[in-house]
C-alpha atoms as a PDB file:
ATOM      1  CA  MET A   1       9.701  53.406  30.210  1.00  0.00           C
ATOM      2  CA  SER A   2       8.924  57.102  30.346  1.00  0.00           C
ATOM      3  CA  ARG A   3       8.734  57.259  26.606  1.00  0.00           C
ATOM      4  CA  ARG A   4       6.382  54.160  26.461  1.00  0.00           C
ATOM      5  CA  ILE A   5       4.051  55.729  28.922  1.00  0.00           C
ATOM      6  CA  ALA A   6       4.019  58.846  27.081  1.00  0.00           C
ATOM      7  CA  SER A   7       3.257  57.084  23.799  1.00  0.00           C
ATOM      8  CA  LEU A   8       0.328  55.314  25.655  1.00  0.00           C
ATOM      9  CA  GLU A   9      -1.105  58.526  27.097  1.00  0.00           C
ATOM     10  CA  GLY A  10      -0.807  60.000  23.770  1.00  0.00           C
ATOM     11  CA  GLN A  11      -3.048  57.175  22.257  1.00  0.00           C
ATOM     12  CA  ALA A  12      -5.346  57.318  25.268  1.00  0.00           C
ATOM     13  CA  GLY A  13      -6.059  60.948  24.782  1.00  0.00           C
ATOM     14  CA  GLY A  14      -4.881  62.177  28.191  1.00  0.00           C
ATOM     15  CA  PRO A  15      -2.715  61.379  31.283  1.00  0.00           C
ATOM     16  CA  LEU A  16      -2.987  57.884  32.833  1.00  0.00           C
ATOM     17  CA  PHE A  17      -0.679  58.408  35.789  1.00  0.00           C
ATOM     18  CA  ASP A  18      -0.517  61.070  38.404  1.00  0.00           C
ATOM     19  CA  ARG A  19       3.345  61.791  38.943  1.00  0.00           C
ATOM     20  CA  LEU A  20       4.063  62.017  42.794  1.00  0.00           C
ATOM     21  CA  PRO A  21       7.359  62.829  44.672  1.00  0.00           C
ATOM     22  CA  ARG A  22       7.442  59.248  45.364  1.00  0.00           C
ATOM     23  CA  GLY A  23       6.034  57.039  42.658  1.00  0.00           C
ATOM     24  CA  VAL A  24       3.100  57.353  40.390  1.00  0.00           C
ATOM     25  CA  ARG A  25      -0.634  56.502  40.931  1.00  0.00           C
ATOM     26  CA  LEU A  26      -3.391  55.812  38.207  1.00  0.00           C
ATOM     27  CA  THR A  27      -5.726  58.534  37.236  1.00  0.00           C
ATOM     28  CA  PRO A  28      -9.377  57.654  36.728  1.00  0.00           C
ATOM     29  CA  ALA A  29      -8.632  57.200  32.994  1.00  0.00           C
ATOM     30  CA  GLY A  30      -5.760  54.945  34.042  1.00  0.00           C
ATOM     31  CA  HIS A  31      -8.075  52.838  36.215  1.00  0.00           C
ATOM     32  CA  ALA A  32     -10.578  52.408  33.461  1.00  0.00           C
ATOM     33  CA  LEU A  33      -7.821  51.335  30.912  1.00  0.00           C
ATOM     34  CA  HIS A  34      -6.262  48.922  33.589  1.00  0.00           C
ATOM     35  CA  GLY A  35      -9.875  47.154  33.997  1.00  0.00           C
ATOM     36  CA  HIS A  36     -10.069  46.654  30.314  1.00  0.00           C
ATOM     37  CA  ALA A  37      -6.453  45.437  29.849  1.00  0.00           C
ATOM     38  CA  VAL A  38      -7.075  42.901  32.620  1.00  0.00           C
ATOM     39  CA  GLY A  39     -10.160  41.631  30.784  1.00  0.00           C
ATOM     40  CA  VAL A  40      -8.389  41.553  27.417  1.00  0.00           C
ATOM     41  CA  LEU A  41      -5.515  39.468  28.883  1.00  0.00           C
ATOM     42  CA  GLU A  42      -7.931  37.119  30.433  1.00  0.00           C
ATOM     43  CA  ARG A  43      -9.720  36.488  27.440  1.00  0.00           C
ATOM     44  CA  LEU A  44      -6.435  36.105  25.438  1.00  0.00           C
ATOM     45  CA  ALA A  45      -5.458  33.507  28.024  1.00  0.00           C
ATOM     46  CA  ARG A  46      -8.776  31.649  27.675  1.00  0.00           C
ATOM     47  CA  ALA A  47      -8.597  31.660  23.883  1.00  0.00           C
ATOM     48  CA  GLU A  48      -4.968  30.152  24.034  1.00  0.00           C
ATOM     49  CA  ARG A  49      -6.230  27.396  26.409  1.00  0.00           C
ATOM     50  CA  GLU A  50      -9.308  26.630  24.289  1.00  0.00           C
ATOM     51  CA  LEU A  51      -7.227  26.570  21.054  1.00  0.00           C
ATOM     52  CA  ALA A  52      -4.764  24.139  22.859  1.00  0.00           C
ATOM     53  CA  ALA A  53      -7.554  21.949  23.974  1.00  0.00           C
ATOM     54  CA  ILE A  54      -9.057  21.880  20.400  1.00  0.00           C
ATOM     55  CA  HIS A  55      -5.773  20.830  18.841  1.00  0.00           C
ATOM     56  CA  ALA A  56      -5.532  18.193  21.504  1.00  0.00           C
ATOM     57  CA  GLY A  57      -8.977  16.848  20.992  1.00  0.00           C
ATOM     58  CA  ARG A  58     -10.090  17.880  24.377  1.00  0.00           C
ATOM     59  CA  GLY A  59     -12.810  20.115  23.397  1.00  0.00           C
ATOM     60  CA  GLY A  60     -14.227  22.576  20.799  1.00  0.00           C
ATOM     61  CA  THR A  61     -16.434  21.738  17.773  1.00  0.00           C
ATOM     62  CA  LEU A  62     -16.045  19.047  15.201  1.00  0.00           C
ATOM     63  CA  ARG A  63     -18.182  19.728  12.037  1.00  0.00           C
ATOM     64  CA  THR A  64     -18.871  16.461  10.218  1.00  0.00           C
ATOM     65  CA  GLY A  65     -20.690  15.674   6.983  1.00  0.00           C
ATOM     66  CA  ALA A  66     -21.749  12.064   5.447  1.00  0.00           C
ATOM     67  CA  PHE A  67     -24.012  10.826   2.695  1.00  0.00           C
ATOM     68  CA  SER A  68     -27.495   9.611   3.708  1.00  0.00           C
ATOM     69  CA  THR A  69     -26.867   5.643   4.232  1.00  0.00           C
ATOM     70  CA  ALA A  70     -23.617   6.407   6.051  1.00  0.00           C
ATOM     71  CA  ASN A  71     -25.815   8.046   8.589  1.00  0.00           C
ATOM     72  CA  ILE A  72     -27.918   5.167   9.283  1.00  0.00           C
ATOM     73  CA  SER A  73     -25.458   3.144  11.383  1.00  0.00           C
ATOM     74  CA  LEU A  74     -21.738   3.570  10.593  1.00  0.00           C
ATOM     75  CA  VAL A  75     -21.403   7.277  11.448  1.00  0.00           C
ATOM     76  CA  PRO A  76     -23.664   7.425  14.479  1.00  0.00           C
ATOM     77  CA  ALA A  77     -21.736   4.384  16.053  1.00  0.00           C
ATOM     78  CA  ALA A  78     -18.501   6.139  15.591  1.00  0.00           C
ATOM     79  CA  LEU A  79     -19.910   9.460  17.002  1.00  0.00           C
ATOM     80  CA  ARG A  80     -21.354   7.653  19.852  1.00  0.00           C
ATOM     81  CA  ALA A  81     -17.737   6.036  20.576  1.00  0.00           C
ATOM     82  CA  LEU A  82     -16.323   9.656  20.127  1.00  0.00           C
ATOM     83  CA  ALA A  83     -18.769  11.140  22.765  1.00  0.00           C
ATOM     84  CA  ALA A  84     -17.614   8.419  25.075  1.00  0.00           C
ATOM     85  CA  ALA A  85     -13.952   9.158  24.510  1.00  0.00           C
ATOM     86  CA  ARG A  86     -14.163  12.968  24.232  1.00  0.00           C
ATOM     87  CA  PRO A  87     -17.191  14.167  26.039  1.00  0.00           C
ATOM     88  CA  ASP A  88     -16.071  17.896  25.751  1.00  0.00           C
ATOM     89  CA  VAL A  89     -16.193  17.858  21.821  1.00  0.00           C
ATOM     90  CA  GLU A  90     -19.301  19.377  20.568  1.00  0.00           C
ATOM     91  CA  VAL A  91     -20.397  17.504  17.212  1.00  0.00           C
ATOM     92  CA  ILE A  92     -22.375  19.384  14.644  1.00  0.00           C
ATOM     93  CA  ALA A  93     -23.331  16.613  11.922  1.00  0.00           C
ATOM     94  CA  ALA A  94     -24.694  17.286   8.501  1.00  0.00           C
ATOM     95  CA  GLU A  95     -25.968  15.137   5.792  1.00  0.00           C
ATOM     96  CA  GLY A  96     -25.258  15.600   2.000  1.00  0.00           C
ATOM     97  CA  ARG A  97     -23.986  14.116  -1.067  1.00  0.00           C
ATOM     98  CA  SER A  98     -20.222  13.324  -1.258  1.00  0.00           C
ATOM     99  CA  HIS A  99     -19.562  16.004  -3.880  1.00  0.00           C
ATOM    100  CA  SER A 100     -20.924  18.793  -1.750  1.00  0.00           C
ATOM    101  CA  SER A 101     -19.247  17.372   1.574  1.00  0.00           C
ATOM    102  CA  ILE A 102     -15.867  17.579  -0.252  1.00  0.00           C
ATOM    103  CA  ARG A 103     -16.453  21.098  -1.371  1.00  0.00           C
ATOM    104  CA  HIS A 104     -17.546  22.135   2.129  1.00  0.00           C
ATOM    105  CA  LEU A 105     -14.450  20.379   3.575  1.00  0.00           C
ATOM    106  CA  ALA A 106     -12.251  22.298   1.193  1.00  0.00           C
ATOM    107  CA  ASP A 107     -13.987  25.665   1.949  1.00  0.00           C
ATOM    108  CA  GLY A 108     -13.322  24.923   5.864  1.00  0.00           C
ATOM    109  CA  ALA A 109     -17.032  24.424   6.727  1.00  0.00           C
ATOM    110  CA  LEU A 110     -16.504  20.839   7.637  1.00  0.00           C
ATOM    111  CA  ASP A 111     -13.752  19.016   9.570  1.00  0.00           C
ATOM    112  CA  LEU A 112     -14.267  15.390   8.404  1.00  0.00           C
ATOM    113  CA  ALA A 113     -16.436  13.833   5.776  1.00  0.00           C
ATOM    114  CA  VAL A 114     -17.683  10.218   5.059  1.00  0.00           C
ATOM    115  CA  VAL A 115     -17.696  10.033   1.068  1.00  0.00           C
ATOM    116  CA  SER A 116     -18.207   7.510  -1.739  1.00  0.00           C
ATOM    117  CA  ASP A 117     -17.405   6.925  -5.403  1.00  0.00           C
ATOM    118  CA  TYR A 118     -20.842   6.001  -5.872  1.00  0.00           C
ATOM    119  CA  PRO A 119     -22.513   6.711  -8.157  1.00  0.00           C
ATOM    120  CA  SER A 120     -20.363   9.040 -10.263  1.00  0.00           C
ATOM    121  CA  GLY A 121     -16.740   8.424  -8.917  1.00  0.00           C
ATOM    122  CA  LEU A 122     -14.769   9.856  -5.984  1.00  0.00           C
ATOM    123  CA  PRO A 123     -14.874  13.635  -5.694  1.00  0.00           C
ATOM    124  CA  THR A 124     -11.659  15.478  -5.078  1.00  0.00           C
ATOM    125  CA  ALA A 125     -10.593  19.073  -4.125  1.00  0.00           C
ATOM    126  CA  GLU A 126      -7.404  20.883  -3.460  1.00  0.00           C
ATOM    127  CA  GLY A 127      -6.346  20.576   0.329  1.00  0.00           C
ATOM    128  CA  VAL A 128      -8.315  17.615   0.975  1.00  0.00           C
ATOM    129  CA  THR A 129      -7.048  13.983   1.395  1.00  0.00           C
ATOM    130  CA  THR A 130      -9.177  10.868   1.065  1.00  0.00           C
ATOM    131  CA  THR A 131      -8.448   7.418   2.492  1.00  0.00           C
ATOM    132  CA  PRO A 132     -10.363   4.105   2.058  1.00  0.00           C
ATOM    133  CA  LEU A 133     -12.688   3.269   4.936  1.00  0.00           C
ATOM    134  CA  CYS A 134     -14.396  -0.048   3.615  1.00  0.00           C
ATOM    135  CA  GLU A 135     -15.740  -1.677   0.403  1.00  0.00           C
ATOM    136  CA  ASP A 136     -19.589  -1.917   0.099  1.00  0.00           C
ATOM    137  CA  GLU A 137     -21.590  -4.186  -2.136  1.00  0.00           C
ATOM    138  CA  LEU A 138     -24.982  -3.011  -3.224  1.00  0.00           C
ATOM    139  CA  LEU A 139     -27.842  -5.534  -2.635  1.00  0.00           C
ATOM    140  CA  VAL A 140     -31.327  -5.591  -4.310  1.00  0.00           C
ATOM    141  CA  ALA A 141     -34.267  -5.184  -1.815  1.00  0.00           C
ATOM    142  CA  LEU A 142     -37.302  -7.416  -2.550  1.00  0.00           C
ATOM    143  CA  HIS A 143     -40.495  -7.855  -0.515  1.00  0.00           C
ATOM    144  CA  ARG A 144     -40.464 -11.167   1.294  1.00  0.00           C
ATOM    145  CA  ASP A 145     -43.303 -12.512  -0.893  1.00  0.00           C
ATOM    146  CA  HIS A 146     -41.296 -11.888  -4.052  1.00  0.00           C
ATOM    147  CA  PRO A 147     -40.737 -14.981  -6.342  1.00  0.00           C
ATOM    148  CA  SER A 148     -36.886 -14.152  -5.950  1.00  0.00           C
ATOM    149  CA  ALA A 149     -36.829 -13.538  -2.399  1.00  0.00           C
ATOM    150  CA  GLY A 150     -35.613 -17.134  -1.536  1.00  0.00           C
ATOM    151  CA  ARG A 151     -32.631 -17.178  -3.875  1.00  0.00           C
ATOM    152  CA  ASP A 152     -29.175 -15.568  -3.181  1.00  0.00           C
ATOM    153  CA  PRO A 153     -27.710 -14.420  -5.184  1.00  0.00           C
ATOM    154  CA  VAL A 154     -30.613 -13.366  -7.594  1.00  0.00           C
ATOM    155  CA  ASP A 155     -30.064 -13.463 -11.300  1.00  0.00           C
ATOM    156  CA  LEU A 156     -30.637  -9.846 -12.244  1.00  0.00           C
ATOM    157  CA  CYS A 157     -32.510 -10.961 -15.367  1.00  0.00           C
ATOM    158  CA  GLU A 158     -35.260 -12.319 -13.355  1.00  0.00           C
ATOM    159  CA  LEU A 159     -35.930  -8.664 -12.394  1.00  0.00           C
ATOM    160  CA  ARG A 160     -36.138  -7.216 -15.948  1.00  0.00           C
ATOM    161  CA  ASP A 161     -39.783  -6.500 -15.640  1.00  0.00           C
ATOM    162  CA  GLU A 162     -39.833  -4.964 -12.246  1.00  0.00           C
ATOM    163  CA  SER A 163     -40.222  -1.459 -11.506  1.00  0.00           C
ATOM    164  CA  TRP A 164     -37.088  -0.012  -9.906  1.00  0.00           C
ATOM    165  CA  ILE A 165     -37.219   2.575  -7.019  1.00  0.00           C
ATOM    166  CA  GLN A 166     -34.264   4.789  -7.086  1.00  0.00           C
ATOM    167  CA  ASP A 167     -33.025   8.473  -6.739  1.00  0.00           C
ATOM    168  CA  ALA A 168     -32.301  10.608  -9.762  1.00  0.00           C
ATOM    169  CA  PRO A 169     -28.594  11.992  -9.127  1.00  0.00           C
ATOM    170  CA  PRO A 170     -28.091  15.638 -10.414  1.00  0.00           C
ATOM    171  CA  ASP A 171     -25.693  14.512 -13.391  1.00  0.00           C
ATOM    172  CA  GLY A 172     -28.173  11.658 -14.480  1.00  0.00           C
ATOM    173  CA  HIS A 173     -25.682   8.994 -13.959  1.00  0.00           C
ATOM    174  CA  THR A 174     -27.039   5.772 -12.535  1.00  0.00           C
ATOM    175  CA  THR A 175     -25.524   2.553 -11.382  1.00  0.00           C
ATOM    176  CA  LEU A 176     -28.814   0.939 -12.033  1.00  0.00           C
ATOM    177  CA  THR A 177     -28.739   1.557 -15.634  1.00  0.00           C
ATOM    178  CA  GLN A 178     -25.083   0.491 -15.974  1.00  0.00           C
ATOM    179  CA  VAL A 179     -25.735  -2.809 -14.019  1.00  0.00           C
ATOM    180  CA  CYS A 180     -28.939  -3.580 -16.000  1.00  0.00           C
ATOM    181  CA  ALA A 181     -26.874  -2.950 -19.351  1.00  0.00           C
ATOM    182  CA  ARG A 182     -24.301  -5.657 -18.282  1.00  0.00           C
ATOM    183  CA  ALA A 183     -27.145  -8.208 -17.644  1.00  0.00           C
ATOM    184  CA  GLY A 184     -28.589  -7.362 -21.128  1.00  0.00           C
ATOM    185  CA  PHE A 185     -31.713  -5.273 -20.536  1.00  0.00           C
ATOM    186  CA  THR A 186     -32.945  -1.758 -19.850  1.00  0.00           C
ATOM    187  CA  PRO A 187     -35.215  -1.134 -16.711  1.00  0.00           C
ATOM    188  CA  ARG A 188     -38.797  -1.222 -17.659  1.00  0.00           C
ATOM    189  CA  ARG A 189     -39.882   1.621 -15.446  1.00  0.00           C
ATOM    190  CA  THR A 190     -38.308   3.750 -12.708  1.00  0.00           C
ATOM    191  CA  VAL A 191     -39.759   5.324  -9.816  1.00  0.00           C
ATOM    192  CA  ARG A 192     -38.161   8.475  -8.647  1.00  0.00           C
ATOM    193  CA  ILE A 193     -37.837   8.456  -4.844  1.00  0.00           C
ATOM    194  CA  ALA A 194     -35.033  10.347  -3.042  1.00  0.00           C
ATOM    195  CA  GLU A 195     -35.314   9.152   0.662  1.00  0.00           C
ATOM    196  CA  TRP A 196     -34.615   5.660   1.791  1.00  0.00           C
ATOM    197  CA  THR A 197     -37.742   5.504   3.887  1.00  0.00           C
ATOM    198  CA  GLY A 198     -39.843   6.263   0.803  1.00  0.00           C
ATOM    199  CA  LYS A 199     -37.866   3.659  -1.234  1.00  0.00           C
ATOM    200  CA  PHE A 200     -38.416   1.126   1.407  1.00  0.00           C
ATOM    201  CA  GLY A 201     -42.119   1.889   1.783  1.00  0.00           C
ATOM    202  CA  HIS A 202     -42.756   1.351  -2.061  1.00  0.00           C
ATOM    203  CA  VAL A 203     -40.874  -1.886  -1.997  1.00  0.00           C
ATOM    204  CA  ALA A 204     -42.888  -3.059   1.163  1.00  0.00           C
ATOM    205  CA  ALA A 205     -45.981  -2.232  -0.890  1.00  0.00           C
ATOM    206  CA  GLY A 206     -45.146  -4.388  -3.642  1.00  0.00           C
ATOM    207  CA  LEU A 207     -44.642  -1.519  -5.959  1.00  0.00           C
ATOM    208  CA  GLY A 208     -41.208  -2.387  -7.244  1.00  0.00           C
ATOM    209  CA  VAL A 209     -37.553  -3.252  -6.013  1.00  0.00           C
ATOM    210  CA  ALA A 210     -34.532  -1.209  -5.325  1.00  0.00           C
ATOM    211  CA  LEU A 211     -30.634  -1.321  -5.012  1.00  0.00           C
ATOM    212  CA  VAL A 212     -29.517  -0.782  -1.563  1.00  0.00           C
ATOM    213  CA  PRO A 213     -26.027  -0.144  -0.194  1.00  0.00           C
ATOM    214  CA  SER A 214     -25.063  -2.522   2.628  1.00  0.00           C
ATOM    215  CA  PRO A 215     -25.004   0.125   5.434  1.00  0.00           C
ATOM    216  CA  ALA A 216     -28.675   0.854   4.734  1.00  0.00           C
ATOM    217  CA  SER A 217     -29.510  -2.950   5.845  1.00  0.00           C
ATOM    218  CA  TRP A 218     -29.790  -1.662   9.462  1.00  0.00           C
ATOM    219  CA  ALA A 219     -32.877   0.323   8.431  1.00  0.00           C
ATOM    220  CA  VAL A 220     -34.561  -2.257   6.177  1.00  0.00           C
ATOM    221  CA  PRO A 221     -38.219  -2.879   7.202  1.00  0.00           C
ATOM    222  CA  ALA A 222     -39.219  -6.630   8.370  1.00  0.00           C
ATOM    223  CA  GLU A 223     -41.304  -6.863   5.222  1.00  0.00           C
ATOM    224  CA  LEU A 224     -38.047  -6.830   3.010  1.00  0.00           C
ATOM    225  CA  VAL A 225     -35.211  -9.087   2.364  1.00  0.00           C
ATOM    226  CA  LEU A 226     -31.799  -8.141   0.934  1.00  0.00           C
ATOM    227  CA  ARG A 227     -30.237 -10.377  -1.869  1.00  0.00           C
ATOM    228  CA  GLY A 228     -26.872 -10.093  -3.742  1.00  0.00           C
ATOM    229  CA  LEU A 229     -26.564  -9.916  -7.348  1.00  0.00           C
ATOM    230  CA  GLY A 230     -23.553 -12.264  -7.776  1.00  0.00           C
ATOM    231  CA  ASP A 231     -20.974 -11.180 -10.178  1.00  0.00           C
ATOM    232  CA  LEU A 232     -23.130  -8.274 -11.427  1.00  0.00           C
ATOM    233  CA  ALA A 233     -23.469  -6.751  -7.903  1.00  0.00           C
ATOM    234  CA  PRO A 234     -22.373  -3.122  -8.054  1.00  0.00           C
ATOM    235  CA  ARG A 235     -19.603  -2.098  -5.625  1.00  0.00           C
ATOM    236  CA  ARG A 236     -18.505   1.106  -4.061  1.00  0.00           C
ATOM    237  CA  THR A 237     -15.411   2.317  -1.881  1.00  0.00           C
ATOM    238  CA  VAL A 238     -16.392   4.501   1.161  1.00  0.00           C
ATOM    239  CA  HIS A 239     -13.543   6.962   2.320  1.00  0.00           C
ATOM    240  CA  VAL A 240     -12.978   9.284   5.063  1.00  0.00           C
ATOM    241  CA  ALA A 241     -12.012  12.660   3.756  1.00  0.00           C
ATOM    242  CA  LEU A 242      -9.914  15.208   5.898  1.00  0.00           C
ATOM    243  CA  PRO A 243      -8.386  18.550   5.267  1.00  0.00           C
ATOM    244  CA  ASP A 244      -4.476  18.683   4.964  1.00  0.00           C
ATOM    245  CA  HIS A 245      -4.210  19.903   8.632  1.00  0.00           C
ATOM    246  CA  PRO A 246      -7.015  17.875  10.552  1.00  0.00           C
ATOM    247  CA  LEU A 247      -7.996  18.403  14.147  1.00  0.00           C
ATOM    248  CA  SER A 248      -7.078  15.996  16.481  1.00  0.00           C
ATOM    249  CA  ALA A 249     -10.854  15.100  17.236  1.00  0.00           C
ATOM    250  CA  ALA A 250     -11.147  14.487  13.494  1.00  0.00           C
ATOM    251  CA  LEU A 251      -8.346  11.956  13.443  1.00  0.00           C
ATOM    252  CA  LEU A 252      -9.905  10.193  16.498  1.00  0.00           C
ATOM    253  CA  LEU A 253     -13.294  10.068  14.721  1.00  0.00           C
ATOM    254  CA  ARG A 254     -11.454   8.551  11.622  1.00  0.00           C
ATOM    255  CA  ASP A 255      -9.993   5.897  13.751  1.00  0.00           C
ATOM    256  CA  LEU A 256     -13.213   5.101  15.254  1.00  0.00           C
ATOM    257  CA  LEU A 257     -14.982   4.986  11.823  1.00  0.00           C
ATOM    258  CA  ARG A 258     -12.471   2.321  10.723  1.00  0.00           C
ATOM    259  CA  GLU A 259     -13.102   0.418  14.060  1.00  0.00           C
ATOM    260  CA  THR A 260     -16.871   0.450  13.380  1.00  0.00           C
ATOM    261  CA  ALA A 261     -16.476  -0.644   9.876  1.00  0.00           C
ATOM    262  CA  ARG A 262     -14.511  -3.591  10.838  1.00  0.00           C
ATOM    263  CA  HIS A 263     -16.858  -4.567  13.727  1.00  0.00           C
ATOM    264  CA  ASP A 264     -19.879  -4.225  11.522  1.00  0.00           C
ATOM    265  CA  GLY A 265     -18.198  -6.189   8.768  1.00  0.00           C
ATOM    266  CA  LEU A 266     -18.846  -3.713   6.111  1.00  0.00           C
ATOM    267  CA  ALA A 267     -15.839  -4.548   4.181  1.00  0.00           C
ATOM    268  CA  ASP A 268     -17.307  -8.039   3.648  1.00  0.00           C
ATOM    269  CA  GLY A 269     -20.882  -6.854   2.902  1.00  0.00           C
ATOM    270  CA  ALA A 270     -23.832  -6.723   5.145  1.00  0.00           C
ATOM    271  CA  PRO A 271     -25.469 -10.008   6.225  1.00  0.00           C
ATOM    272  CA  ARG A 272     -28.538 -10.871   4.163  1.00  0.00           C
ATOM    273  CA  LEU A 273     -32.010 -10.256   5.888  1.00  0.00           C
END
């Protein structure tokens, strides 16, 4: 003990104890160091408790990412259920394309991501595991007064002269060109609109038609209808992506996303509007 005290005093730069005939007492430097030591030990204990709560899913921060149409209904409904089950968990939600969400998950910037294999395949990364969440059929959005609005499914060839409202992915790969090619034609004209509100606005104005993933049906304006494309309908799979060592709260959110998908019937396609 004496050697340890001597070593500590050497590191502190001076005596920490007054040696008395009966015992010792702290010097002013000893009192100062004792105060700091108590504070450090308390912070370490709080950190240990906080980490234990995070791993048990009872607190901490959960960072999530999802593509745009998943954020219309699927993800918000699951996050609402998570807030009810784990009110101490703070959620930070972000929106982005599936490839960027997978990259952020691999880099440790996200704890869970909802991704899809549309339009250019399912992205992968080392240390990230994906599991299927639901199957999703892409529908065509038409104005209610469109000549094909009363048919379901719609013959895609009936839309060969339409303008198509769509986003332009970074790699130029589009499902629209593929599905139209299977029907035997090339889209006459495409209008490049990225946001779904803009796409719906153009279709509502009678300026064209658009392919719409079924989760987006919850945000379709009343002026529009969604119709299937029969055997030509494009389909995609929505996945939940997690790191190899996920947080407990992330596992709970994964389960809530599955329940939400089943409840909303996404695996069977959204109801036609």
